[in-house]
Amino acid sequence: MSILIEDEQNLDKTQNLKLVSVDRKDREQIIEAQNIQNKLEDFILKNDHPCLMAKSVFDSGRYLFGMYQELGNPENASQIHKDLHEFLDLNKESSPQQFSSYVAVFKSSVESSEEAFERKLWQQLQHLHEEDAPLYPWDPKVSSDSSDPHFSFSLLGHAFFLIGLHPNSSRLARKFQYQAMVFNLHEQFEILREMKSFDIVSEKIRTRDQELQGSINPMLAHYGEISEARQYSGRKVEDNWKCPFHKSNI
């Protein structure tokens, strides 16, 4: 089961959830969703989180939030896929300059190491791809080869840059108390490049990350320099790391 949440300024602040695929009469579930949403917003907005784009998205409420069972469970795939479709439909109504994100939180996740989280993240993405491949082509603007510097993960015909969050991340900017995946449309970063703002924003984020952590994330790289798959989990992967994702031949 999932819960999608959109913060709407015209709603009472104690009732600021837009719920999809959930029984609105289930008060316990709504309260749980509100609690997780509050923790997520605090993580981004009330701490010195370095990502300025994330702060903009959460401050304006331009995001959707889904709750699922344990990360890596194949039973999550169809619901996440459906919820991403909802996210894309709502995103069509926004200006291209209004960035937005979709967040999948896995509330039943067990404590795990960075390596274990990475394995589960890619298992979940593989399940999502197998749900998606018979229905949608890979976004032609990006590569489907996970070793290619121009790789980006595609769902519903759209490329996404993924950000993994979990309690045991060595990077403070990724250290959230739930395991989660943040889906950011790749085209948003291209819009920043067209606006000549990408390099400026990237440099500010790196500076803030260094101030927070004491060091810049060693996995950060611009699109086209090295496969972004190496960045998804947040772990400092080895030079010879190979992405476990396999594109379907369907």
C-alpha atoms as a PDB file:
ATOM      1  CA  MET A   1       0.000   0.000   0.000  1.00  0.00           C
ATOM      2  CA  SER A   2       1.186   3.529  -0.685  1.00  0.00           C
ATOM      3  CA  ILE A   3       0.348   7.005   0.448  1.00  0.00           C
ATOM      4  CA  LEU A   4       1.028   9.962  -1.778  1.00  0.00           C
ATOM      5  CA  ILE A   5       1.316  13.302  -0.072  1.00  0.00           C
ATOM      6  CA  GLU A   6       1.400  16.770  -1.539  1.00  0.00           C
ATOM      7  CA  ASP A   7       1.717  19.787   0.716  1.00  0.00           C
ATOM      8  CA  GLU A   8      -0.867  22.362  -0.384  1.00  0.00           C
ATOM      9  CA  GLN A   9      -0.667  25.866   1.049  1.00  0.00           C
ATOM     10  CA  ASN A  10      -4.421  26.378   0.749  1.00  0.00           C
ATOM     11  CA  LEU A  11      -5.112  23.544   3.206  1.00  0.00           C
ATOM     12  CA  ASP A  12      -5.066  23.750   6.964  1.00  0.00           C
ATOM     13  CA  LYS A  13      -1.517  23.044   8.140  1.00  0.00           C
ATOM     14  CA  THR A  14      -2.758  20.201  10.316  1.00  0.00           C
ATOM     15  CA  GLN A  15      -4.508  18.618   7.307  1.00  0.00           C
ATOM     16  CA  ASN A  16      -1.921  19.217   4.599  1.00  0.00           C
ATOM     17  CA  LEU A  17      -1.942  15.743   3.046  1.00  0.00           C
ATOM     18  CA  LYS A  18      -3.185  14.795  -0.378  1.00  0.00           C
ATOM     19  CA  LEU A  19      -3.627  11.029  -0.174  1.00  0.00           C
ATOM     20  CA  VAL A  20      -3.880   8.595  -3.059  1.00  0.00           C
ATOM     21  CA  SER A  21      -4.350   4.793  -2.927  1.00  0.00           C
ATOM     22  CA  VAL A  22      -5.280   4.825   0.731  1.00  0.00           C
ATOM     23  CA  ASP A  23      -8.431   4.593   2.809  1.00  0.00           C
ATOM     24  CA  ARG A  24      -9.063   8.153   3.945  1.00  0.00           C
ATOM     25  CA  LYS A  25     -11.000   6.785   6.915  1.00  0.00           C
ATOM     26  CA  ASP A  26      -7.882   5.000   8.213  1.00  0.00           C
ATOM     27  CA  ARG A  27      -6.884   7.664  10.725  1.00  0.00           C
ATOM     28  CA  GLU A  28      -3.948   5.622  12.055  1.00  0.00           C
ATOM     29  CA  GLN A  29      -2.385   5.391   8.618  1.00  0.00           C
ATOM     30  CA  ILE A  30      -2.901   9.086   7.950  1.00  0.00           C
ATOM     31  CA  ILE A  31      -1.209   9.975  11.249  1.00  0.00           C
ATOM     32  CA  GLU A  32       1.719   7.681  10.425  1.00  0.00           C
ATOM     33  CA  ALA A  33       2.063   9.320   7.018  1.00  0.00           C
ATOM     34  CA  GLN A  34       1.981  12.795   8.564  1.00  0.00           C
ATOM     35  CA  ASN A  35       4.690  11.829  11.062  1.00  0.00           C
ATOM     36  CA  ILE A  36       6.990  10.505   8.345  1.00  0.00           C
ATOM     37  CA  GLN A  37       6.334  13.549   6.186  1.00  0.00           C
ATOM     38  CA  ASN A  38       7.194  15.860   9.094  1.00  0.00           C
ATOM     39  CA  LYS A  39      10.468  14.012   9.694  1.00  0.00           C
ATOM     40  CA  LEU A  40      11.355  14.187   6.026  1.00  0.00           C
ATOM     41  CA  GLU A  41      10.632  17.909   5.852  1.00  0.00           C
ATOM     42  CA  ASP A  42      12.627  18.524   9.036  1.00  0.00           C
ATOM     43  CA  PHE A  43      15.539  16.568   7.563  1.00  0.00           C
ATOM     44  CA  ILE A  44      15.617  18.806   4.484  1.00  0.00           C
ATOM     45  CA  LEU A  45      14.425  22.164   5.813  1.00  0.00           C
ATOM     46  CA  LYS A  46      15.395  22.444   9.486  1.00  0.00           C
ATOM     47  CA  ASN A  47      18.894  21.003   9.228  1.00  0.00           C
ATOM     48  CA  ASP A  48      21.822  22.353   7.247  1.00  0.00           C
ATOM     49  CA  HIS A  49      21.039  20.117   4.315  1.00  0.00           C
ATOM     50  CA  PRO A  50      23.375  21.064   1.468  1.00  0.00           C
ATOM     51  CA  CYS A  51      21.050  20.484  -1.495  1.00  0.00           C
ATOM     52  CA  LEU A  52      19.517  23.830  -2.412  1.00  0.00           C
ATOM     53  CA  MET A  53      17.227  22.220  -4.983  1.00  0.00           C
ATOM     54  CA  ALA A  54      15.807  19.867  -2.344  1.00  0.00           C
ATOM     55  CA  LYS A  55      15.223  22.801  -0.008  1.00  0.00           C
ATOM     56  CA  SER A  56      13.373  24.669  -2.759  1.00  0.00           C
ATOM     57  CA  VAL A  57      11.202  21.638  -3.593  1.00  0.00           C
ATOM     58  CA  PHE A  58      10.252  20.910   0.029  1.00  0.00           C
ATOM     59  CA  ASP A  59       9.812  24.536   1.007  1.00  0.00           C
ATOM     60  CA  SER A  60       7.287  24.990  -1.799  1.00  0.00           C
ATOM     61  CA  GLY A  61       5.642  21.593  -1.258  1.00  0.00           C
ATOM     62  CA  ARG A  62       6.270  20.449  -4.844  1.00  0.00           C
ATOM     63  CA  TYR A  63       6.726  16.770  -4.087  1.00  0.00           C
ATOM     64  CA  LEU A  64       4.859  13.510  -3.707  1.00  0.00           C
ATOM     65  CA  PHE A  65       5.536  11.019  -0.956  1.00  0.00           C
ATOM     66  CA  GLY A  66       4.820   7.291  -0.923  1.00  0.00           C
ATOM     67  CA  MET A  67       5.023   4.757   1.930  1.00  0.00           C
ATOM     68  CA  TYR A  68       5.896   1.155   1.118  1.00  0.00           C
ATOM     69  CA  GLN A  69       7.028  -2.028   2.824  1.00  0.00           C
ATOM     70  CA  GLU A  70      10.636  -3.242   2.914  1.00  0.00           C
ATOM     71  CA  LEU A  71      13.058  -1.973   0.276  1.00  0.00           C
ATOM     72  CA  GLY A  72      13.730  -4.502  -2.455  1.00  0.00           C
ATOM     73  CA  ASN A  73      10.345  -6.223  -2.204  1.00  0.00           C
ATOM     74  CA  PRO A  74       9.046  -7.027  -5.718  1.00  0.00           C
ATOM     75  CA  GLU A  75       5.497  -6.444  -4.493  1.00  0.00           C
ATOM     76  CA  ASN A  76       6.289  -2.725  -4.202  1.00  0.00           C
ATOM     77  CA  ALA A  77       6.990  -2.355  -7.912  1.00  0.00           C
ATOM     78  CA  SER A  78       3.488  -2.033  -9.346  1.00  0.00           C
ATOM     79  CA  GLN A  79       2.394   0.496  -6.723  1.00  0.00           C
ATOM     80  CA  ILE A  80       5.518   2.641  -7.018  1.00  0.00           C
ATOM     81  CA  HIS A  81       5.093   2.561 -10.793  1.00  0.00           C
ATOM     82  CA  LYS A  82       1.483   3.677 -10.466  1.00  0.00           C
ATOM     83  CA  ASP A  83       2.421   6.435  -8.021  1.00  0.00           C
ATOM     84  CA  LEU A  84       5.209   7.698 -10.285  1.00  0.00           C
ATOM     85  CA  HIS A  85       2.624   7.946 -13.038  1.00  0.00           C
ATOM     86  CA  GLU A  86       0.524  10.113 -10.727  1.00  0.00           C
ATOM     87  CA  PHE A  87       3.592  12.240 -10.000  1.00  0.00           C
ATOM     88  CA  LEU A  88       4.278  12.771 -13.707  1.00  0.00           C
ATOM     89  CA  ASP A  89       0.653  13.666 -14.408  1.00  0.00           C
ATOM     90  CA  LEU A  90       0.684  16.306 -11.684  1.00  0.00           C
ATOM     91  CA  ASN A  91       4.077  17.543 -12.816  1.00  0.00           C
ATOM     92  CA  LYS A  92       2.657  18.348 -16.271  1.00  0.00           C
ATOM     93  CA  GLU A  93       0.585  21.080 -14.664  1.00  0.00           C
ATOM     94  CA  SER A  94       3.687  22.850 -13.310  1.00  0.00           C
ATOM     95  CA  SER A  95       6.004  25.290 -15.019  1.00  0.00           C
ATOM     96  CA  PRO A  96       9.226  23.638 -16.298  1.00  0.00           C
ATOM     97  CA  GLN A  97      11.165  25.932 -13.945  1.00  0.00           C
ATOM     98  CA  GLN A  98       9.274  24.610 -10.917  1.00  0.00           C
ATOM     99  CA  PHE A  99      11.314  21.613  -9.823  1.00  0.00           C
ATOM    100  CA  SER A 100       9.634  18.697  -8.071  1.00  0.00           C
ATOM    101  CA  SER A 101      10.510  15.310  -6.570  1.00  0.00           C
ATOM    102  CA  TYR A 102       8.909  11.986  -5.792  1.00  0.00           C
ATOM    103  CA  VAL A 103       9.979  10.260  -2.560  1.00  0.00           C
ATOM    104  CA  ALA A 104       9.466   6.563  -1.826  1.00  0.00           C
ATOM    105  CA  VAL A 105       9.951   5.707   1.854  1.00  0.00           C
ATOM    106  CA  PHE A 106      10.221   2.087   2.982  1.00  0.00           C
ATOM    107  CA  LYS A 107       8.819   2.027   6.483  1.00  0.00           C
ATOM    108  CA  SER A 108       9.474  -1.660   7.228  1.00  0.00           C
ATOM    109  CA  SER A 109      13.151  -1.544   6.299  1.00  0.00           C
ATOM    110  CA  VAL A 110      15.582  -3.182   8.698  1.00  0.00           C
ATOM    111  CA  GLU A 111      18.875  -1.633   9.764  1.00  0.00           C
ATOM    112  CA  SER A 112      21.567  -2.411   7.220  1.00  0.00           C
ATOM    113  CA  SER A 113      25.071  -1.458   6.131  1.00  0.00           C
ATOM    114  CA  GLU A 114      25.776   0.808   3.185  1.00  0.00           C
ATOM    115  CA  GLU A 115      26.540  -2.249   1.053  1.00  0.00           C
ATOM    116  CA  ALA A 116      23.281  -3.974   2.038  1.00  0.00           C
ATOM    117  CA  PHE A 117      21.267  -0.825   1.345  1.00  0.00           C
ATOM    118  CA  GLU A 118      22.893  -0.539  -2.063  1.00  0.00           C
ATOM    119  CA  ARG A 119      21.956  -4.132  -2.920  1.00  0.00           C
ATOM    120  CA  LYS A 120      18.346  -3.578  -1.858  1.00  0.00           C
ATOM    121  CA  LEU A 121      18.126  -0.292  -3.760  1.00  0.00           C
ATOM    122  CA  TRP A 122      19.226  -1.941  -7.005  1.00  0.00           C
ATOM    123  CA  GLN A 123      16.928  -4.901  -6.395  1.00  0.00           C
ATOM    124  CA  GLN A 124      14.015  -2.480  -6.103  1.00  0.00           C
ATOM    125  CA  LEU A 125      15.066  -0.639  -9.245  1.00  0.00           C
ATOM    126  CA  GLN A 126      15.371  -3.934 -11.121  1.00  0.00           C
ATOM    127  CA  HIS A 127      11.833  -4.877 -10.066  1.00  0.00           C
ATOM    128  CA  LEU A 128      10.596  -1.450 -11.163  1.00  0.00           C
ATOM    129  CA  HIS A 129      12.293  -1.829 -14.535  1.00  0.00           C
ATOM    130  CA  GLU A 130      10.707  -5.243 -15.077  1.00  0.00           C
ATOM    131  CA  GLU A 131       7.314  -3.682 -14.325  1.00  0.00           C
ATOM    132  CA  ASP A 132       8.018  -0.797 -16.686  1.00  0.00           C
ATOM    133  CA  ALA A 133       9.820  -2.411 -19.643  1.00  0.00           C
ATOM    134  CA  PRO A 134       6.793  -4.115 -21.285  1.00  0.00           C
ATOM    135  CA  LEU A 135       4.905  -0.814 -21.228  1.00  0.00           C
ATOM    136  CA  TYR A 136       7.350   2.023 -21.900  1.00  0.00           C
ATOM    137  CA  PRO A 137      10.534   2.561 -23.923  1.00  0.00           C
ATOM    138  CA  TRP A 138      13.731   3.754 -22.305  1.00  0.00           C
ATOM    139  CA  ASP A 139      14.040   7.533 -22.436  1.00  0.00           C
ATOM    140  CA  PRO A 140      15.929   8.072 -25.741  1.00  0.00           C
ATOM    141  CA  LYS A 141      17.751  11.112 -24.356  1.00  0.00           C
ATOM    142  CA  VAL A 142      19.839   8.924 -22.007  1.00  0.00           C
ATOM    143  CA  SER A 143      21.747   5.649 -22.180  1.00  0.00           C
ATOM    144  CA  SER A 144      20.355   2.373 -20.806  1.00  0.00           C
ATOM    145  CA  ASP A 145      23.896   1.024 -20.276  1.00  0.00           C
ATOM    146  CA  SER A 146      24.624   1.487 -16.574  1.00  0.00           C
ATOM    147  CA  SER A 147      28.378   1.763 -17.275  1.00  0.00           C
ATOM    148  CA  ASP A 148      27.880   4.571 -19.800  1.00  0.00           C
ATOM    149  CA  PRO A 149      28.639   8.138 -18.595  1.00  0.00           C
ATOM    150  CA  HIS A 150      25.319   9.160 -20.177  1.00  0.00           C
ATOM    151  CA  PHE A 151      23.266   6.562 -18.264  1.00  0.00           C
ATOM    152  CA  SER A 152      20.192   7.605 -16.332  1.00  0.00           C
ATOM    153  CA  PHE A 153      17.445   5.404 -14.939  1.00  0.00           C
ATOM    154  CA  SER A 154      14.281   5.449 -17.045  1.00  0.00           C
ATOM    155  CA  LEU A 155      10.695   4.809 -15.945  1.00  0.00           C
ATOM    156  CA  LEU A 156       7.504   5.620 -17.843  1.00  0.00           C
ATOM    157  CA  GLY A 157       9.647   6.932 -20.684  1.00  0.00           C
ATOM    158  CA  HIS A 158      11.319   9.559 -18.462  1.00  0.00           C
ATOM    159  CA  ALA A 159      14.877   9.643 -17.146  1.00  0.00           C
ATOM    160  CA  PHE A 160      15.329  10.034 -13.377  1.00  0.00           C
ATOM    161  CA  PHE A 161      18.314  10.783 -11.176  1.00  0.00           C
ATOM    162  CA  LEU A 162      17.986   8.701  -7.989  1.00  0.00           C
ATOM    163  CA  ILE A 163      19.104   9.634  -4.476  1.00  0.00           C
ATOM    164  CA  GLY A 164      19.205   6.947  -1.803  1.00  0.00           C
ATOM    165  CA  LEU A 165      18.678   7.828   1.869  1.00  0.00           C
ATOM    166  CA  HIS A 166      19.123   5.539   4.880  1.00  0.00           C
ATOM    167  CA  PRO A 167      20.064   5.604   8.574  1.00  0.00           C
ATOM    168  CA  ASN A 168      23.606   4.254   8.154  1.00  0.00           C
ATOM    169  CA  SER A 169      24.814   6.445   5.317  1.00  0.00           C
ATOM    170  CA  SER A 170      28.331   7.789   5.812  1.00  0.00           C
ATOM    171  CA  ARG A 171      27.209  11.040   4.159  1.00  0.00           C
ATOM    172  CA  LEU A 172      25.181  13.275   6.478  1.00  0.00           C
ATOM    173  CA  ALA A 173      23.168  14.619   3.545  1.00  0.00           C
ATOM    174  CA  ARG A 174      21.927  11.041   2.937  1.00  0.00           C
ATOM    175  CA  LYS A 175      21.494  10.000   6.585  1.00  0.00           C
ATOM    176  CA  PHE A 176      17.725   9.811   7.077  1.00  0.00           C
ATOM    177  CA  GLN A 177      16.043   7.600   9.689  1.00  0.00           C
ATOM    178  CA  TYR A 178      14.098   5.655   7.056  1.00  0.00           C
ATOM    179  CA  GLN A 179      15.343   3.954   3.928  1.00  0.00           C
ATOM    180  CA  ALA A 180      14.133   6.014   0.981  1.00  0.00           C
ATOM    181  CA  MET A 181      14.628   6.770  -2.693  1.00  0.00           C
ATOM    182  CA  VAL A 182      14.184  10.232  -4.170  1.00  0.00           C
ATOM    183  CA  PHE A 183      13.255  10.394  -7.862  1.00  0.00           C
ATOM    184  CA  ASN A 184      14.279  13.608  -9.640  1.00  0.00           C
ATOM    185  CA  LEU A 185      13.422  14.141 -13.293  1.00  0.00           C
ATOM    186  CA  HIS A 186      16.589  14.349 -15.328  1.00  0.00           C
ATOM    187  CA  GLU A 187      15.115  17.101 -17.479  1.00  0.00           C
ATOM    188  CA  GLN A 188      15.150  19.434 -14.469  1.00  0.00           C
ATOM    189  CA  PHE A 189      18.945  19.442 -14.478  1.00  0.00           C
ATOM    190  CA  GLU A 190      18.949  20.110 -18.223  1.00  0.00           C
ATOM    191  CA  ILE A 191      16.712  23.126 -17.631  1.00  0.00           C
ATOM    192  CA  LEU A 192      19.266  24.445 -15.130  1.00  0.00           C
ATOM    193  CA  ARG A 193      21.965  24.026 -17.763  1.00  0.00           C
ATOM    194  CA  GLU A 194      19.866  25.913 -20.323  1.00  0.00           C
ATOM    195  CA  MET A 195      19.394  28.680 -17.773  1.00  0.00           C
ATOM    196  CA  LYS A 196      23.192  28.792 -17.266  1.00  0.00           C
ATOM    197  CA  SER A 197      22.608  28.099 -13.575  1.00  0.00           C
ATOM    198  CA  PHE A 198      23.710  24.492 -13.214  1.00  0.00           C
ATOM    199  CA  ASP A 199      27.398  25.120 -12.478  1.00  0.00           C
ATOM    200  CA  ILE A 200      26.586  27.902 -10.002  1.00  0.00           C
ATOM    201  CA  VAL A 201      24.056  25.773  -8.105  1.00  0.00           C
ATOM    202  CA  SER A 202      26.366  22.739  -8.143  1.00  0.00           C
ATOM    203  CA  GLU A 203      29.255  24.716  -6.688  1.00  0.00           C
ATOM    204  CA  LYS A 204      27.064  26.128  -3.912  1.00  0.00           C
ATOM    205  CA  ILE A 205      25.827  22.625  -3.035  1.00  0.00           C
ATOM    206  CA  ARG A 206      29.394  21.261  -2.910  1.00  0.00           C
ATOM    207  CA  THR A 207      30.462  24.119  -0.648  1.00  0.00           C
ATOM    208  CA  ARG A 208      27.527  23.514   1.697  1.00  0.00           C
ATOM    209  CA  ASP A 209      28.232  19.769   1.705  1.00  0.00           C
ATOM    210  CA  GLN A 210      31.834  20.385   2.694  1.00  0.00           C
ATOM    211  CA  GLU A 211      30.719  22.712   5.498  1.00  0.00           C
ATOM    212  CA  LEU A 212      28.300  20.056   6.782  1.00  0.00           C
ATOM    213  CA  GLN A 213      30.485  16.974   6.412  1.00  0.00           C
ATOM    214  CA  GLY A 214      34.011  18.373   6.430  1.00  0.00           C
ATOM    215  CA  SER A 215      34.600  16.935   2.964  1.00  0.00           C
ATOM    216  CA  ILE A 216      32.983  16.947  -0.470  1.00  0.00           C
ATOM    217  CA  ASN A 217      31.151  13.780  -1.477  1.00  0.00           C
ATOM    218  CA  PRO A 218      33.804  11.843  -3.441  1.00  0.00           C
ATOM    219  CA  MET A 219      31.135  10.327  -5.694  1.00  0.00           C
ATOM    220  CA  LEU A 220      29.846  13.637  -7.034  1.00  0.00           C
ATOM    221  CA  ALA A 221      30.311  14.059 -10.759  1.00  0.00           C
ATOM    222  CA  HIS A 222      28.579  15.935 -13.550  1.00  0.00           C
ATOM    223  CA  TYR A 223      26.405  14.032 -15.999  1.00  0.00           C
ATOM    224  CA  GLY A 224      28.542  12.740 -18.863  1.00  0.00           C
ATOM    225  CA  GLU A 225      31.737  12.423 -16.810  1.00  0.00           C
ATOM    226  CA  ILE A 226      31.021   9.005 -15.312  1.00  0.00           C
ATOM    227  CA  SER A 227      27.901   6.856 -14.915  1.00  0.00           C
ATOM    228  CA  GLU A 228      25.513   8.428 -12.417  1.00  0.00           C
ATOM    229  CA  ALA A 229      24.585   4.896 -11.283  1.00  0.00           C
ATOM    230  CA  ARG A 230      27.651   5.106  -9.036  1.00  0.00           C
ATOM    231  CA  GLN A 231      26.001   7.945  -7.095  1.00  0.00           C
ATOM    232  CA  TYR A 232      22.537   6.499  -6.433  1.00  0.00           C
ATOM    233  CA  SER A 233      23.171   4.643  -3.168  1.00  0.00           C
ATOM    234  CA  GLY A 234      25.401   7.332  -1.649  1.00  0.00           C
ATOM    235  CA  ARG A 235      28.144   4.823  -0.855  1.00  0.00           C
ATOM    236  CA  LYS A 236      31.721   5.481  -1.943  1.00  0.00           C
ATOM    237  CA  VAL A 237      31.951   2.675  -4.454  1.00  0.00           C
ATOM    238  CA  GLU A 238      35.188   1.028  -5.577  1.00  0.00           C
ATOM    239  CA  ASP A 239      36.896   1.976  -8.842  1.00  0.00           C
ATOM    240  CA  ASN A 240      36.042  -1.448 -10.277  1.00  0.00           C
ATOM    241  CA  TRP A 241      32.415  -1.374  -9.066  1.00  0.00           C
ATOM    242  CA  LYS A 242      29.895  -2.830 -11.504  1.00  0.00           C
ATOM    243  CA  CYS A 243      26.259  -1.860 -11.418  1.00  0.00           C
ATOM    244  CA  PRO A 244      24.019  -4.911 -10.786  1.00  0.00           C
ATOM    245  CA  PHE A 245      21.216  -3.545 -12.993  1.00  0.00           C
ATOM    246  CA  HIS A 246      20.378  -5.439 -16.190  1.00  0.00           C
ATOM    247  CA  LYS A 247      18.156  -3.900 -18.850  1.00  0.00           C
ATOM    248  CA  SER A 248      15.371  -6.125 -20.117  1.00  0.00           C
ATOM    249  CA  ASN A 249      15.427  -7.159 -23.778  1.00  0.00           C
ATOM    250  CA  ILE A 250      11.655  -6.748 -24.081  1.00  0.00           C
END
